[in-house]
Structure formats: structure tokens, C-alpha cells
N, C-alpha and C. Protein backbone atom coordinates (compact mmCIF):
# COMPACT_ATOMS: atom_id res chain seq x y z
N GLN A 1 90.73 109.52 89.96
CA GLN A 1 90.60 108.97 91.31
C GLN A 1 90.91 107.48 91.30
N VAL A 2 91.52 107.03 92.37
CA VAL A 2 91.87 105.63 92.53
C VAL A 2 91.35 105.16 93.89
N GLN A 3 90.73 104.01 93.91
CA GLN A 3 90.31 103.39 95.15
C GLN A 3 91.10 102.10 95.34
N LEU A 4 91.51 101.85 96.55
CA LEU A 4 92.32 100.68 96.88
C LEU A 4 91.67 99.90 98.02
N GLU A 5 91.65 98.60 97.90
CA GLU A 5 91.08 97.76 98.95
C GLU A 5 92.00 96.58 99.20
N GLU A 6 92.46 96.46 100.46
CA GLU A 6 93.35 95.38 100.84
C GLU A 6 92.57 94.22 101.43
N SER A 7 93.19 93.05 101.39
CA SER A 7 92.66 91.88 102.07
C SER A 7 93.81 90.93 102.38
N GLY A 8 93.57 89.99 103.27
CA GLY A 8 94.55 88.96 103.55
C GLY A 8 95.21 89.04 104.90
N GLY A 9 95.01 90.13 105.64
CA GLY A 9 95.61 90.22 106.96
C GLY A 9 95.05 89.17 107.90
N ASP A 10 95.89 88.73 108.86
CA ASP A 10 95.45 87.67 109.75
C ASP A 10 96.43 87.56 110.91
N LEU A 11 96.11 86.67 111.83
CA LEU A 11 97.01 86.28 112.92
C LEU A 11 97.79 85.06 112.45
N VAL A 12 99.11 85.11 112.55
CA VAL A 12 99.95 84.01 112.10
C VAL A 12 101.09 83.80 113.09
N GLN A 13 101.55 82.57 113.20
CA GLN A 13 102.64 82.28 114.11
C GLN A 13 103.98 82.69 113.50
N PRO A 14 104.96 82.98 114.34
CA PRO A 14 106.30 83.28 113.81
C PRO A 14 106.79 82.16 112.90
N GLY A 15 107.40 82.56 111.80
CA GLY A 15 107.85 81.61 110.80
C GLY A 15 106.82 81.29 109.75
N GLY A 16 105.60 81.75 109.95
CA GLY A 16 104.53 81.48 109.01
C GLY A 16 104.53 82.42 107.82
N SER A 17 103.53 82.25 106.97
CA SER A 17 103.41 83.03 105.74
C SER A 17 102.01 83.61 105.60
N LEU A 18 101.94 84.73 104.91
CA LEU A 18 100.67 85.35 104.55
C LEU A 18 100.82 85.99 103.19
N ARG A 19 99.71 86.12 102.50
CA ARG A 19 99.70 86.82 101.22
C ARG A 19 98.64 87.92 101.29
N LEU A 20 99.09 89.15 101.16
CA LEU A 20 98.17 90.28 101.12
C LEU A 20 97.83 90.61 99.66
N SER A 21 96.59 91.03 99.46
CA SER A 21 96.15 91.43 98.13
C SER A 21 95.57 92.84 98.20
N CYS A 22 95.72 93.55 97.11
CA CYS A 22 95.16 94.89 97.01
C CYS A 22 94.54 95.03 95.62
N THR A 23 93.29 95.42 95.61
CA THR A 23 92.58 95.64 94.35
C THR A 23 92.41 97.12 94.12
N ALA A 24 92.83 97.58 92.95
CA ALA A 24 92.71 98.99 92.59
C ALA A 24 91.58 99.18 91.59
N SER A 25 90.89 100.28 91.71
CA SER A 25 89.90 100.67 90.72
C SER A 25 90.14 102.12 90.36
N GLY A 26 89.78 102.48 89.14
CA GLY A 26 90.03 103.83 88.68
C GLY A 26 91.19 103.87 87.70
N SER A 27 91.77 105.05 87.53
CA SER A 27 92.81 105.26 86.53
C SER A 27 94.18 104.90 87.08
N ILE A 28 94.52 103.62 86.96
CA ILE A 28 95.83 103.15 87.39
C ILE A 28 96.45 102.39 86.23
N PHE A 29 97.73 102.64 85.96
CA PHE A 29 98.41 102.02 84.84
C PHE A 29 99.69 101.34 85.32
N SER A 30 100.27 100.55 84.44
CA SER A 30 101.42 99.74 84.84
C SER A 30 102.61 100.59 85.27
N PHE A 31 102.73 101.81 84.73
CA PHE A 31 103.86 102.66 85.09
C PHE A 31 103.63 103.43 86.39
N ASN A 32 102.42 103.35 86.92
CA ASN A 32 102.17 104.00 88.21
C ASN A 32 102.72 103.14 89.33
N PRO A 33 103.53 103.73 90.21
CA PRO A 33 104.05 102.95 91.33
C PRO A 33 102.93 102.49 92.25
N MET A 34 103.06 101.29 92.71
CA MET A 34 102.18 100.75 93.73
C MET A 34 103.03 99.97 94.72
N GLY A 35 102.45 99.67 95.86
CA GLY A 35 103.20 98.89 96.83
C GLY A 35 102.54 98.88 98.18
N TRP A 36 103.38 98.68 99.19
CA TRP A 36 102.87 98.49 100.54
C TRP A 36 103.68 99.27 101.56
N TYR A 37 102.99 99.91 102.46
CA TYR A 37 103.56 100.49 103.66
C TYR A 37 103.01 99.70 104.85
N ARG A 38 103.62 99.90 105.99
CA ARG A 38 103.08 99.36 107.21
C ARG A 38 103.30 100.34 108.36
N GLN A 39 102.45 100.20 109.37
CA GLN A 39 102.58 101.04 110.55
C GLN A 39 102.30 100.21 111.79
N ALA A 40 103.30 100.11 112.62
CA ALA A 40 103.17 99.40 113.89
C ALA A 40 102.76 100.39 114.98
N PRO A 41 102.17 99.91 116.05
CA PRO A 41 101.75 100.82 117.14
C PRO A 41 102.91 101.65 117.65
N GLY A 42 102.71 102.95 117.72
CA GLY A 42 103.72 103.85 118.24
C GLY A 42 104.86 104.15 117.29
N LYS A 43 104.76 103.67 116.05
CA LYS A 43 105.83 103.90 115.09
C LYS A 43 105.30 104.63 113.85
N GLN A 44 106.24 105.20 113.10
CA GLN A 44 105.86 105.88 111.87
C GLN A 44 105.57 104.86 110.77
N ARG A 45 104.75 105.28 109.84
CA ARG A 45 104.49 104.42 108.68
C ARG A 45 105.77 104.28 107.87
N GLU A 46 106.08 103.06 107.44
CA GLU A 46 107.31 102.82 106.70
C GLU A 46 107.02 102.07 105.41
N LEU A 47 107.83 102.34 104.40
CA LEU A 47 107.69 101.64 103.13
C LEU A 47 108.20 100.21 103.29
N VAL A 48 107.41 99.27 102.85
CA VAL A 48 107.79 97.85 102.90
C VAL A 48 108.27 97.39 101.54
N ALA A 49 107.48 97.64 100.50
CA ALA A 49 107.82 97.17 99.17
C ALA A 49 107.12 98.03 98.14
N ALA A 50 107.79 98.22 97.00
CA ALA A 50 107.23 99.02 95.92
C ALA A 50 107.48 98.32 94.60
N ILE A 51 106.58 98.54 93.66
CA ILE A 51 106.74 97.95 92.32
C ILE A 51 106.21 98.93 91.29
N SER A 52 107.00 99.09 90.22
CA SER A 52 106.62 100.00 89.13
C SER A 52 107.27 99.51 87.86
N SER A 53 106.45 99.27 86.84
CA SER A 53 106.95 98.80 85.54
C SER A 53 107.90 97.63 85.69
N GLY A 54 107.60 96.74 86.64
CA GLY A 54 108.40 95.55 86.83
C GLY A 54 109.56 95.69 87.78
N SER A 55 109.96 96.91 88.10
CA SER A 55 111.05 97.11 89.05
C SER A 55 110.51 97.08 90.48
N THR A 56 111.27 96.48 91.37
CA THR A 56 110.84 96.36 92.75
C THR A 56 111.87 96.94 93.71
N ASP A 57 111.39 97.30 94.88
CA ASP A 57 112.26 97.82 95.92
C ASP A 57 111.70 97.38 97.26
N TYR A 58 112.59 97.08 98.20
CA TYR A 58 112.17 96.56 99.49
C TYR A 58 112.90 97.25 100.63
N ALA A 59 112.22 97.31 101.76
CA ALA A 59 112.90 97.73 102.98
C ALA A 59 113.92 96.66 103.35
N ASP A 60 115.03 97.08 103.92
CA ASP A 60 116.08 96.13 104.30
C ASP A 60 115.55 95.05 105.24
N SER A 61 114.62 95.42 106.08
CA SER A 61 114.11 94.49 107.09
C SER A 61 113.29 93.34 106.51
N VAL A 62 112.86 93.47 105.25
CA VAL A 62 112.03 92.41 104.67
C VAL A 62 112.67 91.75 103.46
N LYS A 63 113.82 92.22 103.04
CA LYS A 63 114.49 91.64 101.87
C LYS A 63 114.75 90.16 102.09
N GLY A 64 114.44 89.37 101.08
CA GLY A 64 114.63 87.93 101.17
C GLY A 64 113.46 87.19 101.79
N ARG A 65 112.54 87.93 102.40
CA ARG A 65 111.37 87.30 103.03
C ARG A 65 110.06 87.69 102.36
N PHE A 66 109.98 88.92 101.88
CA PHE A 66 108.75 89.42 101.26
C PHE A 66 108.96 89.57 99.75
N THR A 67 107.88 89.37 99.01
CA THR A 67 107.91 89.56 97.56
C THR A 67 106.67 90.32 97.13
N VAL A 68 106.89 91.42 96.42
CA VAL A 68 105.79 92.21 95.89
C VAL A 68 105.61 91.87 94.41
N SER A 69 104.36 91.78 93.98
CA SER A 69 104.08 91.48 92.59
C SER A 69 102.79 92.18 92.17
N ARG A 70 102.59 92.26 90.86
CA ARG A 70 101.38 92.91 90.34
C ARG A 70 100.77 92.06 89.23
N ASP A 71 99.47 92.15 89.15
CA ASP A 71 98.72 91.64 88.01
C ASP A 71 98.15 92.89 87.33
N TYR A 72 98.79 93.31 86.25
CA TYR A 72 98.43 94.58 85.64
C TYR A 72 97.03 94.53 85.03
N ALA A 73 96.69 93.39 84.48
CA ALA A 73 95.37 93.27 83.85
C ALA A 73 94.25 93.39 84.87
N LYS A 74 94.47 92.85 86.07
CA LYS A 74 93.45 92.88 87.11
C LYS A 74 93.60 94.09 88.03
N LYS A 75 94.64 94.89 87.80
CA LYS A 75 94.91 96.06 88.66
C LYS A 75 95.05 95.62 90.11
N MET A 76 95.83 94.60 90.33
CA MET A 76 96.04 94.10 91.68
C MET A 76 97.53 94.09 92.01
N VAL A 77 97.83 94.28 93.28
CA VAL A 77 99.18 94.16 93.78
C VAL A 77 99.15 93.23 94.98
N TYR A 78 100.19 92.42 95.10
CA TYR A 78 100.25 91.41 96.14
C TYR A 78 101.51 91.59 96.98
N LEU A 79 101.45 91.09 98.18
CA LEU A 79 102.64 91.04 99.03
C LEU A 79 102.69 89.65 99.66
N GLN A 80 103.63 88.84 99.18
CA GLN A 80 103.85 87.53 99.75
C GLN A 80 104.85 87.67 100.89
N MET A 81 104.43 87.28 102.07
CA MET A 81 105.26 87.46 103.26
C MET A 81 105.58 86.08 103.83
N ASN A 82 106.87 85.76 103.85
CA ASN A 82 107.33 84.49 104.39
C ASN A 82 108.23 84.71 105.60
N SER A 83 108.44 83.67 106.35
CA SER A 83 109.31 83.73 107.53
C SER A 83 108.95 84.93 108.41
N LEU A 84 107.69 85.07 108.68
CA LEU A 84 107.22 86.23 109.43
C LEU A 84 107.76 86.25 110.85
N LYS A 85 108.02 87.46 111.32
CA LYS A 85 108.56 87.69 112.66
C LYS A 85 107.58 88.55 113.46
N PRO A 86 107.65 88.49 114.77
CA PRO A 86 106.77 89.34 115.58
C PRO A 86 106.90 90.82 115.23
N GLU A 87 108.09 91.25 114.84
CA GLU A 87 108.29 92.66 114.50
C GLU A 87 107.64 93.04 113.17
N ASP A 88 107.10 92.08 112.45
CA ASP A 88 106.34 92.39 111.24
C ASP A 88 104.89 92.76 111.57
N THR A 89 104.51 92.62 112.82
CA THR A 89 103.16 92.97 113.23
C THR A 89 102.89 94.46 112.98
N ALA A 90 101.84 94.73 112.23
CA ALA A 90 101.52 96.11 111.86
C ALA A 90 100.23 96.12 111.05
N VAL A 91 99.73 97.30 110.82
CA VAL A 91 98.68 97.48 109.82
C VAL A 91 99.38 97.74 108.49
N TYR A 92 99.02 96.97 107.49
CA TYR A 92 99.65 97.09 106.18
C TYR A 92 98.71 97.84 105.24
N TYR A 93 99.26 98.85 104.58
CA TYR A 93 98.49 99.71 103.69
C TYR A 93 98.99 99.57 102.26
N CYS A 94 98.08 99.36 101.37
CA CYS A 94 98.37 99.42 99.94
C CYS A 94 98.39 100.88 99.52
N TYR A 95 99.29 101.21 98.59
CA TYR A 95 99.30 102.59 98.10
C TYR A 95 99.50 102.60 96.58
N ALA A 96 99.14 103.73 95.99
CA ALA A 96 99.37 103.95 94.56
C ALA A 96 99.66 105.43 94.35
N LYS A 97 100.49 105.70 93.34
CA LYS A 97 100.81 107.08 92.99
C LYS A 97 100.46 107.31 91.54
N THR A 98 99.82 108.42 91.25
CA THR A 98 99.48 108.76 89.88
C THR A 98 99.88 110.21 89.60
N GLY A 99 99.74 110.60 88.33
CA GLY A 99 100.12 111.95 87.96
C GLY A 99 101.47 111.96 87.28
N LEU A 100 101.74 113.03 86.55
CA LEU A 100 102.99 113.13 85.79
C LEU A 100 104.21 113.03 86.67
N ARG A 101 104.10 113.52 87.90
CA ARG A 101 105.22 113.48 88.85
C ARG A 101 104.88 112.60 90.04
N ASN A 102 103.95 111.69 89.85
CA ASN A 102 103.50 110.82 90.95
C ASN A 102 103.10 111.64 92.16
N GLN A 103 102.44 112.76 91.90
CA GLN A 103 102.12 113.66 92.99
C GLN A 103 100.82 113.30 93.71
N ASN A 104 100.04 112.42 93.10
CA ASN A 104 98.78 112.01 93.71
C ASN A 104 98.99 110.69 94.44
N HIS A 105 98.72 110.70 95.73
CA HIS A 105 98.92 109.50 96.56
C HIS A 105 97.57 108.97 97.02
N TYR A 106 97.40 107.69 96.90
CA TYR A 106 96.17 107.04 97.34
C TYR A 106 96.52 105.89 98.29
N TRP A 107 95.64 105.67 99.25
CA TRP A 107 95.85 104.64 100.26
C TRP A 107 94.60 103.78 100.43
N GLY A 108 94.84 102.53 100.77
CA GLY A 108 93.74 101.68 101.17
C GLY A 108 93.44 101.89 102.64
N GLN A 109 92.47 101.15 103.15
CA GLN A 109 92.05 101.32 104.54
C GLN A 109 92.95 100.55 105.52
N GLY A 110 93.77 99.67 105.00
CA GLY A 110 94.71 98.92 105.85
C GLY A 110 94.16 97.55 106.22
N THR A 111 95.09 96.62 106.43
CA THR A 111 94.73 95.29 106.88
C THR A 111 95.73 94.88 107.97
N GLN A 112 95.21 94.31 109.05
CA GLN A 112 96.04 94.00 110.21
C GLN A 112 96.76 92.67 110.03
N VAL A 113 98.06 92.71 110.25
CA VAL A 113 98.88 91.49 110.29
C VAL A 113 99.47 91.38 111.69
N THR A 114 99.18 90.28 112.34
CA THR A 114 99.70 90.04 113.68
C THR A 114 100.49 88.74 113.67
N VAL A 115 101.74 88.84 114.10
CA VAL A 115 102.62 87.67 114.16
C VAL A 115 102.88 87.37 115.62
N SER A 116 102.33 86.28 116.09
CA SER A 116 102.42 85.96 117.51
C SER A 116 102.16 84.48 117.72
N SER A 117 102.82 83.93 118.73
CA SER A 117 102.59 82.53 119.09
C SER A 117 101.53 82.44 120.18
């Protein structure tokens, strides 16, 4: 079992920055994928950024603005968000996958990011 807890969501003006953090507990290892999804009102949940064994992947909409990173020793994953836009407003969820085929999916409770002037 894996438990995930996010923090760092806030109200920020367009062009501003935020750093989200996610703390994992339980059986999570460096080769297990972790990352961030987001869900805006009335929209489907979408993958924002993923990291596994040092490799990263990003949604096209956040490339060049967001950076995902991990502290393997602390079992934490971060999302540095720069040049935020109103369309980045969403609930951001930390996720982790475990199992031989990454068949076990775990989610945090979500943290609200609002980009507005």
C-alpha cells in the first residue's frame, strides 16, 4: 500500500510560480513511476508530468514551464510550476504506480491551484 499527500496549492497571479510537493509512504521505489495529474472543472483528469528512474515526461501544454523532480531518499515528488496561466487552474493530484506491470495506481487527495488576477 502507498499513501500520498500533496501540499503547496494556492491562489497565484498569472505569470507567477508555485511548487507542489507530494510525500509518499509505504512501498515505493525509484523505479516506480510517480507524477502529477490535474483536473479542471468540467474537464477530464489529464497527465501533467511523470518521472521514473530519472526520465521525465510532460504534457505539451506545460513543457518549458513546469518541472517534475523527485527526492528518492525522502520519497517525495515535486512539481515546480512557472509562468502560470489561468488555464492551469485545476486540482492537482499526485500519483504513483507500483507492481510488476505498474498495475497498482495510487492517488493523493489533491491540492487546488488557482491562477487568477
